[in-house]
PDB file of N, CA and C in Angstrom:
ATOM      1  N   ALA A   1       2.714  -5.812 121.680  1.00  0.00           N
ATOM      2  CA  ALA A   1       2.533  -4.904 121.514  1.00  0.00           C
ATOM      3  C   ALA A   1       1.819  -4.490 120.094  1.00  0.00           C
ATOM      4  N   ASP A   2       0.969  -3.810 119.976  1.00  0.00           N
ATOM      5  CA  ASP A   2       0.641  -3.733 118.489  1.00  0.00           C
ATOM      6  C   ASP A   2       1.433  -2.761 117.832  1.00  0.00           C
ATOM      7  N   VAL A   3       1.604  -1.723 118.907  1.00  0.00           N
ATOM      8  CA  VAL A   3       1.713  -0.136 118.492  1.00  0.00           C
ATOM      9  C   VAL A   3       2.886   0.354 119.385  1.00  0.00           C
ATOM     10  N   PHE A   4       3.996   0.730 118.979  1.00  0.00           N
ATOM     11  CA  PHE A   4       5.153   1.029 119.273  1.00  0.00           C
ATOM     12  C   PHE A   4       5.124   2.152 119.441  1.00  0.00           C
ATOM     13  N   ILE A   5       5.037   4.368 120.345  1.00  0.00           N
ATOM     14  CA  ILE A   5       5.526   4.985 120.179  1.00  0.00           C
ATOM     15  C   ILE A   5       6.796   5.424 121.223  1.00  0.00           C
ATOM     16  N   SER A   6       7.654   5.988 120.163  1.00  0.00           N
ATOM     17  CA  SER A   6       8.819   6.747 120.815  1.00  0.00           C
ATOM     18  C   SER A   6       9.361   7.933 120.630  1.00  0.00           C
ATOM     19  N   GLY A   7       9.750   8.987 121.493  1.00  0.00           N
ATOM     20  CA  GLY A   7      10.607   9.839 120.893  1.00  0.00           C
ATOM     21  C   GLY A   7      12.140  10.289 120.870  1.00  0.00           C
ATOM     22  N   ASP A   8      12.379  10.912 121.131  1.00  0.00           N
ATOM     23  CA  ASP A   8      14.094  11.578 121.084  1.00  0.00           C
ATOM     24  C   ASP A   8      14.549  11.274 119.810  1.00  0.00           C
ATOM     25  N   LYS A   9      13.818  11.888 118.861  1.00  0.00           N
ATOM     26  CA  LYS A   9      14.379  11.728 117.481  1.00  0.00           C
ATOM     27  C   LYS A   9      13.786  13.538 116.910  1.00  0.00           C
ATOM     28  N   HIS A  10      14.811  13.704 116.012  1.00  0.00           N
ATOM     29  CA  HIS A  10      14.452  15.129 115.823  1.00  0.00           C
ATOM     30  C   HIS A  10      13.043  14.963 114.510  1.00  0.00           C
ATOM     31  N   LEU A  11      12.908  14.592 113.590  1.00  0.00           N
ATOM     32  CA  LEU A  11      12.112  13.737 112.524  1.00  0.00           C
ATOM     33  C   LEU A  11      11.149  12.721 112.700  1.00  0.00           C
ATOM     34  N   GLY A  12       9.996  12.833 112.541  1.00  0.00           N
ATOM     35  CA  GLY A  12       8.993  11.824 113.324  1.00  0.00           C
ATOM     36  C   GLY A  12       8.811  11.068 111.371  1.00  0.00           C
ATOM     37  N   ALA A  13       8.519   9.842 111.989  1.00  0.00           N
ATOM     38  CA  ALA A  13       8.246   8.725 110.971  1.00  0.00           C
ATOM     39  C   ALA A  13       7.654   7.871 111.881  1.00  0.00           C
ATOM     40  N   VAL A  14       6.465   6.675 110.457  1.00  0.00           N
ATOM     41  CA  VAL A  14       5.924   5.605 110.488  1.00  0.00           C
ATOM     42  C   VAL A  14       6.476   4.729 110.170  1.00  0.00           C
ATOM     43  N   GLU A  15       6.137   3.620 110.750  1.00  0.00           N
ATOM     44  CA  GLU A  15       6.819   2.323 110.001  1.00  0.00           C
ATOM     45  C   GLU A  15       5.352   1.314 109.861  1.00  0.00           C
ATOM     46  N   GLN A  16       5.026   1.457 109.348  1.00  0.00           N
ATOM     47  CA  GLN A  16       3.926  -0.016 109.430  1.00  0.00           C
ATOM     48  C   GLN A  16       4.422  -1.585 108.601  1.00  0.00           C
ATOM     49  N   THR A  17       5.305  -2.841 109.511  1.00  0.00           N
ATOM     50  CA  THR A  17       5.951  -3.688 109.294  1.00  0.00           C
ATOM     51  C   THR A  17       4.938  -5.108 109.677  1.00  0.00           C
ATOM     52  N   PHE A  18       5.231  -5.748 109.297  1.00  0.00           N
ATOM     53  CA  PHE A  18       5.163  -7.182 110.606  1.00  0.00           C
ATOM     54  C   PHE A  18       6.053  -8.130 110.914  1.00  0.00           C
ATOM     55  N   ILE A  19       5.455  -7.738 112.117  1.00  0.00           N
ATOM     56  CA  ILE A  19       6.431  -8.793 113.008  1.00  0.00           C
ATOM     57  C   ILE A  19       6.499 -10.611 113.048  1.00  0.00           C
ATOM     58  N   GLY A  20       6.858 -11.922 112.328  1.00  0.00           N
ATOM     59  CA  GLY A  20       5.727 -12.728 112.356  1.00  0.00           C
ATOM     60  C   GLY A  20       4.201 -12.822 111.673  1.00  0.00           C
ATOM     61  N   ASP A  21       3.933 -12.934 111.741  1.00  0.00           N
ATOM     62  CA  ASP A  21       1.974 -12.747 111.537  1.00  0.00           C
ATOM     63  C   ASP A  21       1.179 -11.668 111.472  1.00  0.00           C
ATOM     64  N   LYS A  22       2.200 -10.682 112.701  1.00  0.00           N
ATOM     65  CA  LYS A  22       1.049 -10.095 113.171  1.00  0.00           C
ATOM     66  C   LYS A  22       2.134  -8.424 112.471  1.00  0.00           C
ATOM     67  N   LYS A  23       0.826  -7.456 112.190  1.00  0.00           N
ATOM     68  CA  LYS A  23       1.413  -6.494 111.952  1.00  0.00           C
ATOM     69  C   LYS A  23       1.248  -5.055 113.435  1.00  0.00           C
ATOM     70  N   ARG A  24       2.426  -4.892 113.265  1.00  0.00           N
ATOM     71  CA  ARG A  24       2.926  -4.030 114.166  1.00  0.00           C
ATOM     72  C   ARG A  24       3.140  -2.146 113.523  1.00  0.00           C
ATOM     73  N   VAL A  25       2.602  -1.313 114.628  1.00  0.00           N
ATOM     74  CA  VAL A  25       3.060  -0.255 113.846  1.00  0.00           C
ATOM     75  C   VAL A  25       4.020   0.600 114.936  1.00  0.00           C
ATOM     76  N   ILE A  26       4.912   1.161 114.165  1.00  0.00           N
ATOM     77  CA  ILE A  26       6.351   1.507 114.955  1.00  0.00           C
ATOM     78  C   ILE A  26       5.817   3.307 114.510  1.00  0.00           C
ATOM     79  N   VAL A  27       6.406   4.286 115.580  1.00  0.00           N
ATOM     80  CA  VAL A  27       5.835   5.403 115.616  1.00  0.00           C
ATOM     81  C   VAL A  27       6.982   6.347 116.137  1.00  0.00           C
ATOM     82  N   GLN A  28       7.821   7.020 115.607  1.00  0.00           N
ATOM     83  CA  GLN A  28       8.194   8.067 116.047  1.00  0.00           C
ATOM     84  C   GLN A  28       8.105   9.460 115.663  1.00  0.00           C
ATOM     85  N   LEU A  29       8.207  10.083 117.682  1.00  0.00           N
ATOM     86  CA  LEU A  29       7.515  11.413 117.049  1.00  0.00           C
ATOM     87  C   LEU A  29       9.104  12.049 117.307  1.00  0.00           C
ATOM     88  N   GLY A  30       8.878  13.463 116.114  1.00  0.00           N
ATOM     89  CA  GLY A  30       9.511  14.054 115.918  1.00  0.00           C
ATOM     90  C   GLY A  30       9.683  15.413 117.295  1.00  0.00           C
ATOM     91  N   THR A  31      10.005  16.507 116.859  1.00  0.00           N
ATOM     92  CA  THR A  31      10.173  17.227 118.202  1.00  0.00           C
ATOM     93  C   THR A  31       9.605  18.514 117.852  1.00  0.00           C
ATOM     94  N   PHE A  32       9.769  19.783 118.176  1.00  0.00           N
ATOM     95  CA  PHE A  32       9.674  20.803 117.964  1.00  0.00           C
ATOM     96  C   PHE A  32      10.556  22.442 118.294  1.00  0.00           C
ATOM     97  N   LYS A  33      11.996  21.283 118.643  1.00  0.00           N
ATOM     98  CA  LYS A  33      13.074  21.568 119.827  1.00  0.00           C
ATOM     99  C   LYS A  33      13.593  22.330 118.019  1.00  0.00           C
ATOM    100  N   THR A  34      14.198  23.819 117.993  1.00  0.00           N
ATOM    101  CA  THR A  34      14.554  24.622 117.116  1.00  0.00           C
ATOM    102  C   THR A  34      15.755  24.928 117.349  1.00  0.00           C
ATOM    103  N   GLU A  35      17.326  25.054 118.398  1.00  0.00           N
ATOM    104  CA  GLU A  35      18.132  24.974 118.663  1.00  0.00           C
ATOM    105  C   GLU A  35      18.361  23.063 119.182  1.00  0.00           C
ATOM    106  N   ASP A  36      19.565  23.094 118.958  1.00  0.00           N
ATOM    107  CA  ASP A  36      20.151  22.389 119.555  1.00  0.00           C
ATOM    108  C   ASP A  36      21.902  22.101 119.009  1.00  0.00           C
ATOM    109  N   GLY A  37      22.230  22.248 120.184  1.00  0.00           N
ATOM    110  CA  GLY A  37      24.081  22.881 120.054  1.00  0.00           C
ATOM    111  C   GLY A  37      24.622  21.316 120.029  1.00  0.00           C
ATOM    112  N   TYR A  38      24.260  20.192 120.069  1.00  0.00           N
ATOM    113  CA  TYR A  38      24.908  18.977 120.276  1.00  0.00           C
ATOM    114  C   TYR A  38      24.736  18.744 118.535  1.00  0.00           C
ATOM    115  N   GLY A  39      23.405  18.435 118.205  1.00  0.00           N
ATOM    116  CA  GLY A  39      23.388  18.636 116.340  1.00  0.00           C
ATOM    117  C   GLY A  39      23.791  19.316 115.729  1.00  0.00           C
ATOM    118  N   ARG A  40      23.921  20.389 115.556  1.00  0.00           N
ATOM    119  CA  ARG A  40      24.902  21.158 115.285  1.00  0.00           C
ATOM    120  C   ARG A  40      25.742  20.966 114.646  1.00  0.00           C
ATOM    121  N   SER A  41      26.839  20.460 116.004  1.00  0.00           N
ATOM    122  CA  SER A  41      28.096  20.579 116.260  1.00  0.00           C
ATOM    123  C   SER A  41      27.827  18.632 115.656  1.00  0.00           C
ATOM    124  N   GLN A  42      27.272  18.185 115.322  1.00  0.00           N
ATOM    125  CA  GLN A  42      27.583  17.149 114.795  1.00  0.00           C
ATOM    126  C   GLN A  42      26.949  16.992 113.129  1.00  0.00           C
ATOM    127  N   GLY A  43      26.703  18.326 112.700  1.00  0.00           N
ATOM    128  CA  GLY A  43      26.437  18.480 111.317  1.00  0.00           C
ATOM    129  C   GLY A  43      25.096  17.984 110.758  1.00  0.00           C
ATOM    130  N   PHE A  44      23.758  17.824 111.973  1.00  0.00           N
ATOM    131  CA  PHE A  44      22.534  17.763 112.248  1.00  0.00           C
ATOM    132  C   PHE A  44      22.098  18.689 111.593  1.00  0.00           C
ATOM    133  N   VAL A  45      20.983  19.053 110.541  1.00  0.00           N
ATOM    134  CA  VAL A  45      20.495  20.256 110.631  1.00  0.00           C
ATOM    135  C   VAL A  45      18.961  20.112 110.967  1.00  0.00           C
ATOM    136  N   GLN A  46      18.734  21.235 111.885  1.00  0.00           N
ATOM    137  CA  GLN A  46      17.182  21.336 112.138  1.00  0.00           C
ATOM    138  C   GLN A  46      16.307  21.550 111.756  1.00  0.00           C
ATOM    139  N   ARG A  47      15.425  20.714 110.870  1.00  0.00           N
ATOM    140  CA  ARG A  47      14.582  21.011 110.191  1.00  0.00           C
ATOM    141  C   ARG A  47      13.417  20.430 111.190  1.00  0.00           C
ATOM    142  N   VAL A  48      13.004  21.529 111.438  1.00  0.00           N
ATOM    143  CA  VAL A  48      11.531  21.530 112.652  1.00  0.00           C
ATOM    144  C   VAL A  48      10.378  21.054 111.537  1.00  0.00           C
ATOM    145  N   ARG A  49       9.054  20.402 111.957  1.00  0.00           N
ATOM    146  CA  ARG A  49       8.426  19.649 111.376  1.00  0.00           C
ATOM    147  C   ARG A  49       7.235  19.124 111.805  1.00  0.00           C
ATOM    148  N   PRO A  50       5.998  19.654 112.664  1.00  0.00           N
ATOM    149  CA  PRO A  50       5.194  19.193 113.118  1.00  0.00           C
ATOM    150  C   PRO A  50       4.586  18.359 113.071  1.00  0.00           C
ATOM    151  N   PHE A  51       4.918  17.073 113.524  1.00  0.00           N
ATOM    152  CA  PHE A  51       4.382  15.344 112.614  1.00  0.00           C
ATOM    153  C   PHE A  51       3.295  15.095 114.308  1.00  0.00           C
ATOM    154  N   TYR A  52       2.441  15.121 113.192  1.00  0.00           N
ATOM    155  CA  TYR A  52       0.801  14.530 114.531  1.00  0.00           C
ATOM    156  C   TYR A  52       0.610  13.656 113.193  1.00  0.00           C
ATOM    157  N   PRO A  53       1.484  12.429 113.540  1.00  0.00           N
ATOM    158  CA  PRO A  53       0.368  10.986 113.030  1.00  0.00           C
ATOM    159  C   PRO A  53      -1.419  10.678 113.844  1.00  0.00           C
ATOM    160  N   THR A  54      -1.738   9.752 112.855  1.00  0.00           N
ATOM    161  CA  THR A  54      -3.449   9.363 113.472  1.00  0.00           C
ATOM    162  C   THR A  54      -3.756   8.443 113.439  1.00  0.00           C
ATOM    163  N   LEU A  55      -3.648   8.022 114.580  1.00  0.00           N
ATOM    164  CA  LEU A  55      -3.519   6.196 114.492  1.00  0.00           C
ATOM    165  C   LEU A  55      -5.419   5.637 114.134  1.00  0.00           C
ATOM    166  N   LEU A  56      -5.548   5.129 113.685  1.00  0.00           N
ATOM    167  CA  LEU A  56      -6.888   4.349 113.574  1.00  0.00           C
ATOM    168  C   LEU A  56      -7.221   2.623 114.002  1.00  0.00           C
ATOM    169  N   PHE A  57      -8.212   2.834 115.069  1.00  0.00           N
ATOM    170  CA  PHE A  57      -7.980   1.128 115.638  1.00  0.00           C
ATOM    171  C   PHE A  57      -9.608   1.006 115.315  1.00  0.00           C
ATOM    172  N   PHE A  58      -9.541  -0.721 114.787  1.00  0.00           N
ATOM    173  CA  PHE A  58     -10.562  -0.556 113.791  1.00  0.00           C
ATOM    174  C   PHE A  58     -11.315  -1.856 114.780  1.00  0.00           C
ATOM    175  N   GLN A  59     -12.000  -1.134 115.720  1.00  0.00           N
ATOM    176  CA  GLN A  59     -12.757  -2.398 116.831  1.00  0.00           C
ATOM    177  C   GLN A  59     -12.981  -3.818 115.808  1.00  0.00           C
ATOM    178  N   GLY A  60     -12.826  -4.907 116.625  1.00  0.00           N
ATOM    179  CA  GLY A  60     -13.309  -5.982 116.533  1.00  0.00           C
ATOM    180  C   GLY A  60     -12.335  -7.106 115.066  1.00  0.00           C
ATOM    181  N   GLN A  61     -11.423  -5.881 114.758  1.00  0.00           N
ATOM    182  CA  GLN A  61     -10.774  -6.346 113.878  1.00  0.00           C
ATOM    183  C   GLN A  61      -9.437  -6.688 113.829  1.00  0.00           C
ATOM    184  N   HIS A  62      -8.721  -6.106 114.687  1.00  0.00           N
ATOM    185  CA  HIS A  62      -7.707  -5.941 115.114  1.00  0.00           C
ATOM    186  C   HIS A  62      -6.980  -5.647 114.425  1.00  0.00           C
ATOM    187  N   ALA A  63      -7.015  -4.681 113.439  1.00  0.00           N
ATOM    188  CA  ALA A  63      -6.644  -3.425 112.484  1.00  0.00           C
ATOM    189  C   ALA A  63      -6.758  -2.296 113.260  1.00  0.00           C
ATOM    190  N   ILE A  64      -5.448  -1.583 112.341  1.00  0.00           N
ATOM    191  CA  ILE A  64      -4.673  -0.373 112.823  1.00  0.00           C
ATOM    192  C   ILE A  64      -3.915   0.346 111.890  1.00  0.00           C
ATOM    193  N   GLU A  65      -4.202   1.232 111.844  1.00  0.00           N
ATOM    194  CA  GLU A  65      -4.006   2.205 110.021  1.00  0.00           C
ATOM    195  C   GLU A  65      -3.658   3.878 110.530  1.00  0.00           C
ATOM    196  N   VAL A  66      -2.709   3.693 109.633  1.00  0.00           N
ATOM    197  CA  VAL A  66      -1.842   5.200 110.841  1.00  0.00           C
ATOM    198  C   VAL A  66      -1.573   6.268 109.426  1.00  0.00           C
ATOM    199  N   VAL A  67      -2.341   7.510 109.747  1.00  0.00           N
ATOM    200  CA  VAL A  67      -2.559   8.242 108.671  1.00  0.00           C
ATOM    201  C   VAL A  67      -1.793   9.728 108.961  1.00  0.00           C
ATOM    202  N   GLU A  68      -0.346  10.076 108.415  1.00  0.00           N
ATOM    203  CA  GLU A  68       0.358  10.777 109.152  1.00  0.00           C
ATOM    204  C   GLU A  68       0.023  12.047 108.682  1.00  0.00           C
ATOM    205  N   ASN A  69      -0.579  12.525 107.631  1.00  0.00           N
ATOM    206  CA  ASN A  69      -1.352  13.929 106.971  1.00  0.00           C
ATOM    207  C   ASN A  69      -2.858  14.346 107.798  1.00  0.00           C
ATOM    208  N   ILE A  70      -2.923  15.076 108.708  1.00  0.00           N
ATOM    209  CA  ILE A  70      -3.822  15.058 109.737  1.00  0.00           C
ATOM    210  C   ILE A  70      -5.025  15.632 109.131  1.00  0.00           C
ATOM    211  N   HIS A  71      -4.803  16.678 107.902  1.00  0.00           N
ATOM    212  CA  HIS A  71      -6.022  16.768 107.115  1.00  0.00           C
ATOM    213  C   HIS A  71      -6.226  15.439 106.435  1.00  0.00           C
ATOM    214  N   GLN A  72      -5.451  14.965 106.264  1.00  0.00           N
ATOM    215  CA  GLN A  72      -6.333  13.810 105.291  1.00  0.00           C
ATOM    216  C   GLN A  72      -7.033  12.718 106.442  1.00  0.00           C
ATOM    217  N   ALA A  73      -6.204  12.749 107.454  1.00  0.00           N
ATOM    218  CA  ALA A  73      -6.913  12.362 108.703  1.00  0.00           C
ATOM    219  C   ALA A  73      -8.138  12.254 108.963  1.00  0.00           C
ATOM    220  N   LYS A  74      -8.436  13.829 108.979  1.00  0.00           N
ATOM    221  CA  LYS A  74      -9.731  14.385 108.934  1.00  0.00           C
ATOM    222  C   LYS A  74     -10.811  13.717 108.138  1.00  0.00           C
ATOM    223  N   GLU A  75     -10.441  14.216 106.880  1.00  0.00           N
ATOM    224  CA  GLU A  75     -11.545  13.634 105.876  1.00  0.00           C
ATOM    225  C   GLU A  75     -11.605  12.611 105.993  1.00  0.00           C
ATOM    226  N   ILE A  76     -10.926  11.463 106.145  1.00  0.00           N
ATOM    227  CA  ILE A  76     -10.995   9.861 106.579  1.00  0.00           C
ATOM    228  C   ILE A  76     -12.066   9.769 107.578  1.00  0.00           C
ATOM    229  N   ILE A  77     -12.128  10.293 108.650  1.00  0.00           N
ATOM    230  CA  ILE A  77     -12.576  10.267 109.802  1.00  0.00           C
ATOM    231  C   ILE A  77     -14.472  11.434 109.134  1.00  0.00           C
ATOM    232  N   GLU A  78     -14.325  12.067 108.819  1.00  0.00           N
ATOM    233  CA  GLU A  78     -15.766  12.585 108.364  1.00  0.00           C
ATOM    234  C   GLU A  78     -16.392  11.365 107.551  1.00  0.00           C
ATOM    235  N   MET A  79     -15.652  10.537 106.657  1.00  0.00           N
ATOM    236  CA  MET A  79     -16.301  10.217 105.583  1.00  0.00           C
ATOM    237  C   MET A  79     -16.911   8.667 106.323  1.00  0.00           C
ATOM    238  N   MET A  80     -15.714   8.158 107.183  1.00  0.00           N
ATOM    239  CA  MET A  80     -16.605   6.833 108.466  1.00  0.00           C
ATOM    240  C   MET A  80     -17.775   7.044 108.804  1.00  0.00           C
ATOM    241  N   LYS A  81     -17.829   8.466 109.619  1.00  0.00           N
ATOM    242  CA  LYS A  81     -18.932   9.124 110.550  1.00  0.00           C
ATOM    243  C   LYS A  81     -19.532   8.763 109.281  1.00  0.00           C
ATOM    244  N   ARG A  82     -19.930   9.320 108.341  1.00  0.00           N
ATOM    245  CA  ARG A  82     -20.962   9.515 107.371  1.00  0.00           C
ATOM    246  C   ARG A  82     -21.518   8.228 107.082  1.00  0.00           C
ATOM    247  N   TYR A  83     -20.050   6.792 106.576  1.00  0.00           N
ATOM    248  CA  TYR A  83     -20.851   5.840 106.030  1.00  0.00           C
ATOM    249  C   TYR A  83     -21.023   5.027 106.958  1.00  0.00           C
ATOM    250  N   TYR A  84     -20.881   5.282 108.098  1.00  0.00           N
ATOM    251  CA  TYR A  84     -21.632   4.525 109.376  1.00  0.00           C
ATOM    252  C   TYR A  84     -23.051   4.764 109.765  1.00  0.00           C
ATOM    253  N   LYS A  85     -23.057   6.094 109.256  1.00  0.00           N
ATOM    254  CA  LYS A  85     -24.618   6.952 109.868  1.00  0.00           C
ATOM    255  C   LYS A  85     -25.520   6.094 108.769  1.00  0.00           C
ATOM    256  N   GLN A  86     -25.216   6.226 107.653  1.00  0.00           N
ATOM    257  CA  GLN A  86     -25.390   6.079 106.267  1.00  0.00           C
ATOM    258  C   GLN A  86     -26.320   4.397 106.853  1.00  0.00           C
ATOM    259  N   LEU A  87     -25.066   3.609 106.867  1.00  0.00           N
ATOM    260  CA  LEU A  87     -25.601   1.801 107.673  1.00  0.00           C
ATOM    261  C   LEU A  87     -26.125   1.406 108.846  1.00  0.00           C
ATOM    262  N   ALA A  88     -26.026   2.389 109.691  1.00  0.00           N
ATOM    263  CA  ALA A  88     -27.055   2.369 110.565  1.00  0.00           C
ATOM    264  C   ALA A  88     -28.665   2.479 110.078  1.00  0.00           C
ATOM    265  N   ILE A  89     -28.582   3.578 109.369  1.00  0.00           N
ATOM    266  CA  ILE A  89     -29.820   3.828 108.965  1.00  0.00           C
ATOM    267  C   ILE A  89     -30.743   3.075 108.063  1.00  0.00           C
ATOM    268  N   SER A  90     -29.902   2.590 107.127  1.00  0.00           N
ATOM    269  CA  SER A  90     -30.024   1.124 106.870  1.00  0.00           C
ATOM    270  C   SER A  90     -30.505   0.084 106.644  1.00  0.00           C
ATOM    271  N   LEU A  91     -29.421  -0.269 108.173  1.00  0.00           N
ATOM    272  CA  LEU A  91     -29.811  -1.542 108.862  1.00  0.00           C
ATOM    273  C   LEU A  91     -31.227  -1.574 109.783  1.00  0.00           C
ATOM    274  N   LEU A  92     -31.486  -0.426 110.040  1.00  0.00           N
ATOM    275  CA  LEU A  92     -32.462  -0.221 110.944  1.00  0.00           C
ATOM    276  C   LEU A  92     -33.809   0.146 110.077  1.00  0.00           C
ATOM    277  N   GLY A  93     -33.751   0.372 109.166  1.00  0.00           N
ATOM    278  CA  GLY A  93     -35.080   0.011 107.871  1.00  0.00           C
ATOM    279  C   GLY A  93     -35.347   1.813 108.019  1.00  0.00           C
ATOM    280  N   PHE A  94     -34.707   3.031 108.454  1.00  0.00           N
ATOM    281  CA  PHE A  94     -35.767   4.580 108.693  1.00  0.00           C
ATOM    282  C   PHE A  94     -34.916   4.989 107.429  1.00  0.00           C
ATOM    283  N   ALA A  95     -35.645   5.789 106.842  1.00  0.00           N
ATOM    284  CA  ALA A  95     -35.870   6.531 105.607  1.00  0.00           C
ATOM    285  C   ALA A  95     -35.487   8.194 106.642  1.00  0.00           C
ATOM    286  N   LYS A  96     -34.918   8.965 105.728  1.00  0.00           N
ATOM    287  CA  LYS A  96     -34.576  10.114 105.706  1.00  0.00           C
ATOM    288  C   LYS A  96     -35.719  10.692 105.661  1.00  0.00           C
TER     289      LYS A  96
END
């Protein structure tokens, strides 16, 4: 698999790494759990932080990019929509 998504940890994180010559994306989802008696007894401090990684899949390129900040992801998607719209307009020869 190119993307691995797992849970059961309290802090979300993403790692993009190569296994052999293939890029792999590992996503560790966080939790909204605010009280954890076991974690507290083990000395883990609960710092709940919503984690919404956005995975961008690029068709035909076998490429995956991950954006950890949801606001940045929104900006990237909006830029891509504008870029591809302009590209389509110029390829088809339409004027605005």
